[in-house]
Amino acid sequence: MSNALNSKTVKIAAGVFIAALLYIVLKEFQTILIPFIIAVIIAIVFSPLYELMRKKNVPTALAIIVILLLIIIIANITSLFVYTSVLSFKDAIPKYQTQFTNFFINLNTSLESSEFYRKFIKGSIQIEKIINPGTIEGLAESLIGGIAGIFGDFILILIYIIFLLSEMESIKKRMNSVYSNEQYKKFSTIATKIFEDVKKYVVGKTLINFCHAVIVYIVFLIFGLDFPILWAFLTFLMAYIPNIGAIIATILPVSVALIQFQSFLLPILMLLILVVIGNLIGNIAEPKIFGSRLNLSPLLLLFSLIFWGYVWGVVGMILSVPIMSMIKITLSNIEGMENIALMMSNKINNEDEKENSQTKIFNRFKNLSRFNK
């Protein structure tokens, strides 16, 4: 009994130590790790194009150069429009504050005739606290800082991408020379399955987010909303964050519309359209592409969002779900780790997935019993 208790205590202590060490490493080396993870995601997104060029016998160096040129062009165009919009939005904050003050005063005046408003609401609302220039300035600074952080390590990200793309083929050759044919085939099958599933998620999610951003951009243009590129880019990034991201990407442009149009009709109509678009994409498009294999526990997503947001800030929140999804995909394809992947899921809708996992576990126990005999 004492030995079991001591063993359990040692395991808990080891777990706490490893968690603390992991946190320190992630926090201290974030300037290296964040660009690396972004580079991994970008490399996976462009890997289908890279593989296509290699199948067409395009030299590796030329294929990498073509992809780098595409990334540079896309990044420059994006940063030109988005960063300019962010700076313009920051400059327009005083104007929005004035418009919001006038809107609130007019609304307050129009509601004065209501006895319920005078008795229960008016005394509890303090406009000085609602309109806080420091808070609005802080939000703008955080927004600018988060976007600047994504583009700030651009050269380092490009260097990582060069190495990642160039290693795709050479690592297979090195492994083939080190391991036996049977070991290589087994490991290659697992690694290929992991990479294909991760690629399907990253490429699919990125394309869905891009289409979502384009659709809402068109909606913002139709409504005549200020800074439509900024809000579309925000939608693209926030779509990686479940639930909370959608709320942020909806509330901010609708709030600006409320101040800009000085009425409730157009902002409410815009809100309804954005909610419908978000639900169609989230409940129809994504399940068709990802199926049920990538569903993650809401509690896990919440803790992941808190953890990565605390460690890496806004960028960490954006990367939290891709990171957890890639971890879940990897675990689901590693023998002995399937149960952990299933525990990370919200619910098992795919009975084949559950049956497949149980079959693997049964086969391992059967092989173990044979070995013991």
Protein backbone atom coordinates (compact mmCIF):
# COMPACT_ATOMS: atom_id res chain seq x y z
CA MET A 1 0.00 0.00 0.00
CA SER A 2 2.81 2.34 0.97
CA ASN A 3 4.77 1.54 -2.18
CA ALA A 4 1.70 2.19 -4.36
CA LEU A 5 1.11 5.51 -2.62
CA ASN A 6 4.75 6.50 -3.05
CA SER A 7 4.63 5.53 -6.73
CA LYS A 8 1.49 7.62 -7.26
CA THR A 9 3.08 10.58 -5.47
CA VAL A 10 6.19 10.30 -7.64
CA LYS A 11 4.07 10.23 -10.81
CA ILE A 12 2.09 13.31 -9.73
CA ALA A 13 5.29 15.16 -8.83
CA ALA A 14 6.85 14.16 -12.16
CA GLY A 15 3.75 15.34 -14.00
CA VAL A 16 3.77 18.71 -12.23
CA PHE A 17 7.50 19.09 -12.94
CA ILE A 18 7.07 18.27 -16.64
CA ALA A 19 4.11 20.68 -16.93
CA ALA A 20 6.09 23.47 -15.24
CA LEU A 21 9.10 22.78 -17.46
CA LEU A 22 6.89 22.77 -20.57
CA TYR A 23 5.38 26.11 -19.57
CA ILE A 24 8.83 27.66 -19.00
CA VAL A 25 10.10 26.40 -22.36
CA LEU A 26 7.00 27.64 -24.22
CA LYS A 27 7.16 31.03 -22.49
CA GLU A 28 10.90 31.61 -22.78
CA PHE A 29 11.27 30.38 -26.36
CA GLN A 30 8.06 31.85 -27.77
CA THR A 31 9.97 34.13 -30.15
CA ILE A 32 11.30 30.96 -31.81
CA LEU A 33 8.37 28.59 -31.36
CA ILE A 34 5.55 30.87 -32.58
CA PRO A 35 7.18 31.57 -35.98
CA PHE A 36 8.00 27.85 -36.26
CA ILE A 37 4.38 26.76 -35.68
CA ILE A 38 3.14 29.40 -38.13
CA ALA A 39 5.74 28.17 -40.62
CA VAL A 40 4.55 24.56 -40.14
CA ILE A 41 0.95 25.59 -40.84
CA ILE A 42 1.95 27.61 -43.93
CA ALA A 43 4.17 24.78 -45.19
CA ILE A 44 1.30 22.31 -44.81
CA VAL A 45 -1.07 24.69 -46.64
CA PHE A 46 1.33 24.94 -49.59
CA SER A 47 2.43 21.28 -49.50
CA PRO A 48 -0.16 20.18 -52.13
CA LEU A 49 1.29 22.70 -54.59
CA TYR A 50 4.83 21.62 -53.69
CA GLU A 51 3.96 17.94 -54.20
CA LEU A 52 2.28 18.74 -57.53
CA MET A 53 5.38 20.55 -58.80
CA ARG A 54 7.63 17.71 -57.69
CA LYS A 55 5.41 15.19 -59.52
CA LYS A 56 5.86 17.34 -62.62
CA ASN A 57 9.65 16.92 -62.17
CA VAL A 58 10.17 20.53 -61.12
CA PRO A 59 13.51 20.73 -59.23
CA THR A 60 13.20 21.02 -55.45
CA ALA A 61 14.98 24.37 -55.31
CA LEU A 62 12.77 25.87 -58.02
CA ALA A 63 9.58 24.53 -56.38
CA ILE A 64 10.58 26.09 -53.05
CA ILE A 65 11.42 29.41 -54.73
CA VAL A 66 8.01 29.49 -56.45
CA ILE A 67 6.22 28.83 -53.15
CA LEU A 68 8.30 31.46 -51.33
CA LEU A 69 7.47 34.02 -54.02
CA LEU A 70 3.76 33.23 -53.68
CA ILE A 71 3.96 33.57 -49.88
CA ILE A 72 5.82 36.88 -50.14
CA ILE A 73 3.30 38.28 -52.64
CA ILE A 74 0.29 37.18 -50.56
CA ALA A 75 1.85 38.42 -47.30
CA ASN A 76 2.76 41.80 -48.78
CA ILE A 77 -0.67 42.37 -50.27
CA THR A 78 -2.34 41.29 -47.03
CA SER A 79 -0.10 43.40 -44.79
CA LEU A 80 -0.49 46.43 -47.07
CA PHE A 81 -4.28 46.46 -46.86
CA VAL A 82 -4.77 45.08 -43.35
CA TYR A 83 -2.10 47.07 -41.54
CA THR A 84 -3.18 50.25 -43.32
CA SER A 85 -6.77 49.57 -42.24
CA VAL A 86 -5.66 48.99 -38.64
CA LEU A 87 -3.77 52.28 -38.53
CA SER A 88 -6.72 54.10 -40.12
CA PHE A 89 -9.06 52.53 -37.58
CA LYS A 90 -6.83 53.68 -34.73
CA ASP A 91 -6.82 57.23 -36.13
CA ALA A 92 -10.62 57.13 -36.42
CA ILE A 93 -11.19 56.11 -32.79
CA PRO A 94 -11.70 59.72 -31.54
CA LYS A 95 -14.33 60.22 -34.25
CA TYR A 96 -16.10 57.01 -33.21
CA GLN A 97 -16.01 58.10 -29.57
CA THR A 98 -17.72 61.37 -30.48
CA GLN A 99 -20.30 59.59 -32.62
CA PHE A 100 -20.99 57.05 -29.88
CA THR A 101 -21.39 59.81 -27.28
CA ASN A 102 -23.90 61.63 -29.50
CA PHE A 103 -25.73 58.39 -30.26
CA PHE A 104 -25.95 57.49 -26.58
CA ILE A 105 -27.15 60.98 -25.61
CA ASN A 106 -29.83 60.93 -28.32
CA LEU A 107 -30.93 57.46 -27.26
CA ASN A 108 -31.03 58.54 -23.63
CA THR A 109 -33.15 61.56 -24.54
CA SER A 110 -35.60 59.51 -26.57
CA LEU A 111 -36.06 57.06 -23.69
CA GLU A 112 -36.73 59.77 -21.11
CA SER A 113 -40.46 59.43 -21.72
CA SER A 114 -40.40 55.86 -20.40
CA GLU A 115 -41.10 55.64 -16.67
CA PHE A 116 -39.49 52.20 -16.49
CA TYR A 117 -36.29 53.60 -17.99
CA ARG A 118 -36.20 56.59 -15.60
CA LYS A 119 -36.87 54.42 -12.58
CA PHE A 120 -34.74 51.31 -13.15
CA ILE A 121 -32.18 51.92 -15.91
CA LYS A 122 -31.12 55.57 -16.09
CA GLY A 123 -29.54 55.75 -12.65
CA SER A 124 -27.49 52.59 -13.17
CA ILE A 125 -25.84 53.73 -16.44
CA GLN A 126 -22.83 56.00 -16.24
CA ILE A 127 -21.75 57.18 -19.65
CA GLU A 128 -18.30 58.13 -18.37
CA LYS A 129 -17.58 54.49 -17.60
CA ILE A 130 -19.08 53.19 -20.83
CA ILE A 131 -17.07 55.56 -23.00
CA ASN A 132 -13.57 54.97 -21.71
CA PRO A 133 -10.94 56.28 -24.14
CA GLY A 134 -8.19 54.34 -22.40
CA THR A 135 -10.02 51.04 -22.84
CA ILE A 136 -10.72 51.67 -26.52
CA GLU A 137 -7.13 52.76 -27.11
CA GLY A 138 -5.93 49.62 -25.33
CA LEU A 139 -8.09 47.39 -27.53
CA ALA A 140 -6.75 49.11 -30.64
CA GLU A 141 -3.16 48.70 -29.44
CA SER A 142 -3.76 44.99 -28.73
CA LEU A 143 -5.24 44.53 -32.19
CA ILE A 144 -2.31 46.30 -33.86
CA GLY A 145 0.19 44.43 -31.71
CA GLY A 146 -1.35 41.05 -32.51
CA ILE A 147 -1.34 41.66 -36.28
CA ALA A 148 2.16 43.18 -36.18
CA GLY A 149 3.34 40.11 -34.26
CA ILE A 150 2.13 37.82 -37.04
CA PHE A 151 4.00 39.75 -39.73
CA GLY A 152 6.96 40.78 -37.53
CA ASP A 153 8.87 37.49 -37.81
CA PHE A 154 8.28 37.12 -41.52
CA ILE A 155 11.93 36.46 -42.48
CA LEU A 156 12.31 33.82 -39.77
CA ILE A 157 9.07 32.16 -40.90
CA LEU A 158 10.35 32.03 -44.50
CA ILE A 159 13.61 30.40 -43.33
CA TYR A 160 11.64 27.77 -41.43
CA ILE A 161 9.45 27.11 -44.49
CA ILE A 162 12.53 26.55 -46.68
CA PHE A 163 13.85 23.89 -44.30
CA LEU A 164 10.45 22.25 -43.79
CA LEU A 165 9.75 21.90 -47.51
CA SER A 166 13.26 20.71 -48.32
CA GLU A 167 13.08 18.07 -45.56
CA MET A 168 9.86 16.50 -46.84
CA GLU A 169 11.67 14.21 -49.26
CA SER A 170 15.10 13.84 -47.70
CA ILE A 171 13.76 12.61 -44.35
CA LYS A 172 12.06 9.67 -46.08
CA LYS A 173 15.30 8.69 -47.79
CA ARG A 174 17.29 8.91 -44.53
CA MET A 175 14.72 6.80 -42.66
CA ASN A 176 14.75 4.19 -45.41
CA SER A 177 18.51 3.85 -45.09
CA VAL A 178 18.40 3.59 -41.27
CA TYR A 179 15.49 1.20 -40.67
CA SER A 180 14.68 -2.17 -42.16
CA ASN A 181 12.09 -2.40 -44.91
CA GLU A 182 9.40 -3.68 -42.55
CA GLN A 183 10.09 -1.03 -39.89
CA TYR A 184 10.29 1.69 -42.52
CA LYS A 185 6.99 0.68 -44.13
CA LYS A 186 5.24 0.60 -40.75
CA PHE A 187 6.60 3.97 -39.65
CA SER A 188 6.10 5.49 -43.10
CA THR A 189 2.45 4.39 -43.13
CA ILE A 190 1.78 5.95 -39.72
CA ALA A 191 3.70 9.15 -40.55
CA THR A 192 1.94 9.50 -43.91
CA LYS A 193 -1.48 9.01 -42.29
CA ILE A 194 -0.70 11.64 -39.64
CA PHE A 195 0.58 14.12 -42.23
CA GLU A 196 -2.38 13.56 -44.57
CA ASP A 197 -4.92 14.06 -41.77
CA VAL A 198 -3.12 17.15 -40.47
CA LYS A 199 -2.86 18.51 -44.00
CA LYS A 200 -6.56 17.88 -44.58
CA TYR A 201 -7.43 19.81 -41.43
CA VAL A 202 -5.02 22.74 -41.91
CA VAL A 203 -5.67 23.21 -45.64
CA GLY A 204 -9.41 22.67 -45.27
CA LYS A 205 -9.76 24.98 -42.27
CA THR A 206 -7.67 27.69 -43.93
CA LEU A 207 -9.71 27.54 -47.14
CA ILE A 208 -12.98 27.60 -45.20
CA ASN A 209 -11.80 30.60 -43.17
CA PHE A 210 -10.71 32.36 -46.36
CA CYS A 211 -14.09 31.76 -48.04
CA HIS A 212 -15.83 32.92 -44.84
CA ALA A 213 -13.74 36.10 -44.86
CA VAL A 214 -14.50 36.78 -48.53
CA ILE A 215 -18.25 36.34 -47.97
CA VAL A 216 -18.38 38.67 -44.95
CA TYR A 217 -16.20 41.18 -46.83
CA ILE A 218 -18.82 41.31 -49.58
CA VAL A 219 -21.51 41.76 -46.91
CA PHE A 220 -19.58 44.64 -45.33
CA LEU A 221 -19.13 46.26 -48.76
CA ILE A 222 -22.86 46.02 -49.48
CA PHE A 223 -23.67 47.65 -46.13
CA GLY A 224 -20.98 50.31 -46.66
CA LEU A 225 -19.20 49.50 -43.38
CA ASP A 226 -15.92 51.29 -42.67
CA PHE A 227 -12.70 49.23 -42.90
CA PRO A 228 -14.24 46.07 -44.46
CA ILE A 229 -10.81 44.51 -45.13
CA LEU A 230 -9.88 44.80 -41.46
CA TRP A 231 -13.07 43.08 -40.28
CA ALA A 232 -12.79 40.38 -42.97
CA PHE A 233 -9.20 39.64 -41.93
CA LEU A 234 -10.31 39.55 -38.30
CA THR A 235 -13.00 37.02 -39.29
CA PHE A 236 -10.35 34.89 -41.02
CA LEU A 237 -8.14 34.79 -37.91
CA MET A 238 -10.91 34.48 -35.32
CA ALA A 239 -12.46 31.55 -37.19
CA TYR A 240 -9.59 29.43 -35.85
CA ILE A 241 -10.90 30.13 -32.33
CA PRO A 242 -14.17 28.26 -31.71
CA ASN A 243 -17.19 30.06 -30.24
CA ILE A 244 -15.28 33.00 -28.73
CA GLY A 245 -13.64 33.86 -32.04
CA ALA A 246 -16.98 33.99 -33.84
CA ILE A 247 -18.40 36.27 -31.14
CA ILE A 248 -15.44 38.68 -31.37
CA ALA A 249 -15.49 38.68 -35.19
CA THR A 250 -19.22 39.53 -35.12
CA ILE A 251 -19.52 42.00 -32.24
CA LEU A 252 -16.70 44.34 -33.31
CA PRO A 253 -17.95 45.12 -36.86
CA VAL A 254 -21.58 45.28 -35.68
CA SER A 255 -20.57 47.73 -32.91
CA VAL A 256 -18.76 49.88 -35.48
CA ALA A 257 -21.86 49.72 -37.70
CA LEU A 258 -24.02 50.84 -34.77
CA ILE A 259 -21.80 53.89 -34.26
CA GLN A 260 -21.31 54.61 -37.97
CA PHE A 261 -24.97 54.39 -39.03
CA GLN A 262 -26.40 55.89 -35.78
CA SER A 263 -29.33 53.45 -35.90
CA PHE A 264 -30.31 49.92 -34.94
CA LEU A 265 -31.89 48.66 -38.18
CA LEU A 266 -28.81 48.11 -40.36
CA PRO A 267 -26.56 46.74 -37.55
CA ILE A 268 -29.25 44.24 -36.48
CA LEU A 269 -29.76 43.15 -40.09
CA MET A 270 -25.98 42.79 -40.49
CA LEU A 271 -25.83 40.79 -37.25
CA LEU A 272 -28.50 38.37 -38.47
CA ILE A 273 -26.70 37.87 -41.80
CA LEU A 274 -23.34 37.25 -40.10
CA VAL A 275 -24.91 34.74 -37.69
CA VAL A 276 -26.60 32.87 -40.57
CA ILE A 277 -23.34 32.77 -42.56
CA GLY A 278 -21.38 31.56 -39.54
CA ASN A 279 -23.91 28.80 -38.78
CA LEU A 280 -24.04 27.61 -42.39
CA ILE A 281 -20.26 27.35 -42.54
CA GLY A 282 -19.86 25.87 -39.06
CA ASN A 283 -22.72 23.36 -39.24
CA ILE A 284 -22.66 22.37 -42.91
CA ALA A 285 -19.33 23.13 -44.62
CA GLU A 286 -16.93 22.09 -41.86
CA PRO A 287 -18.63 18.78 -40.95
CA LYS A 288 -18.66 17.77 -44.63
CA ILE A 289 -14.89 18.37 -44.88
CA PHE A 290 -13.70 17.23 -41.46
CA GLY A 291 -16.39 14.75 -40.47
CA SER A 292 -16.45 13.85 -36.79
CA ARG A 293 -12.77 12.95 -36.41
CA LEU A 294 -11.66 16.44 -35.46
CA ASN A 295 -14.36 17.34 -32.96
CA LEU A 296 -12.75 18.45 -29.71
CA SER A 297 -14.17 18.58 -26.20
CA PRO A 298 -15.54 22.06 -25.37
CA LEU A 299 -13.86 21.86 -21.96
CA LEU A 300 -10.56 20.97 -23.62
CA LEU A 301 -10.98 23.86 -26.05
CA LEU A 302 -11.65 26.25 -23.17
CA PHE A 303 -8.56 25.16 -21.23
CA SER A 304 -6.53 25.19 -24.44
CA LEU A 305 -7.69 28.71 -25.22
CA ILE A 306 -6.84 29.90 -21.70
CA PHE A 307 -3.47 28.14 -21.63
CA TRP A 308 -2.18 29.20 -25.05
CA GLY A 309 -3.65 32.67 -24.64
CA TYR A 310 -1.85 33.05 -21.30
CA VAL A 311 1.43 31.73 -22.69
CA TRP A 312 1.49 33.40 -26.13
CA GLY A 313 -1.23 36.06 -25.99
CA VAL A 314 -3.54 36.75 -28.95
CA VAL A 315 -1.40 34.70 -31.35
CA GLY A 316 -1.56 31.78 -28.92
CA MET A 317 -5.36 31.95 -28.85
CA ILE A 318 -5.45 31.86 -32.66
CA LEU A 319 -3.05 28.91 -32.78
CA SER A 320 -4.62 27.01 -29.86
CA VAL A 321 -7.19 25.02 -31.84
CA PRO A 322 -4.87 24.13 -34.77
CA ILE A 323 -2.28 22.94 -32.24
CA MET A 324 -4.79 20.81 -30.29
CA SER A 325 -6.28 19.42 -33.50
CA MET A 326 -2.86 18.39 -34.80
CA ILE A 327 -2.06 16.76 -31.43
CA LYS A 328 -5.37 14.84 -31.51
CA ILE A 329 -4.78 13.69 -35.10
CA THR A 330 -1.27 12.53 -34.23
CA LEU A 331 -2.40 10.62 -31.13
CA SER A 332 -5.27 8.94 -33.01
CA ASN A 333 -2.75 7.46 -35.47
CA ILE A 334 -0.19 6.25 -32.91
CA GLU A 335 -0.64 2.75 -31.53
CA GLY A 336 -1.47 2.90 -27.84
CA MET A 337 -2.59 6.55 -27.91
CA GLU A 338 -6.03 6.15 -29.53
CA ASN A 339 -7.85 6.29 -26.19
CA ILE A 340 -6.30 9.66 -25.36
CA ALA A 341 -7.45 10.98 -28.74
CA LEU A 342 -10.97 9.70 -28.07
CA MET A 343 -10.96 11.33 -24.63
CA MET A 344 -10.13 14.65 -26.32
CA SER A 345 -13.27 14.37 -28.45
CA ASN A 346 -16.57 16.04 -27.72
CA LYS A 347 -18.58 12.96 -28.73
CA ILE A 348 -17.96 9.96 -30.90
CA ASN A 349 -20.35 10.32 -33.80
CA ASN A 350 -18.28 8.11 -36.03
CA GLU A 351 -18.95 4.54 -34.88
CA ASP A 352 -16.28 3.25 -37.24
CA GLU A 353 -13.70 5.35 -35.44
CA LYS A 354 -14.74 3.94 -32.07
CA GLU A 355 -14.87 0.39 -33.37
CA ASN A 356 -11.48 0.78 -35.06
CA SER A 357 -9.93 2.03 -31.83
CA GLN A 358 -11.46 -0.82 -29.78
CA THR A 359 -10.27 -3.37 -32.35
CA LYS A 360 -6.71 -2.08 -32.10
CA ILE A 361 -6.81 -2.30 -28.30
CA PHE A 362 -8.23 -5.85 -28.43
CA ASN A 363 -5.56 -6.96 -30.90
CA ARG A 364 -2.79 -5.57 -28.70
CA PHE A 365 -4.09 -7.48 -25.66
CA LYS A 366 -4.43 -10.65 -27.77
CA ASN A 367 -0.86 -10.33 -29.03
CA LEU A 368 0.34 -9.67 -25.49
CA SER A 369 -1.39 -12.81 -24.18
CA ARG A 370 0.22 -14.90 -26.92
CA PHE A 371 3.60 -13.49 -26.03
CA ASN A 372 3.14 -14.36 -22.35
CA LYS A 373 2.23 -17.92 -23.22
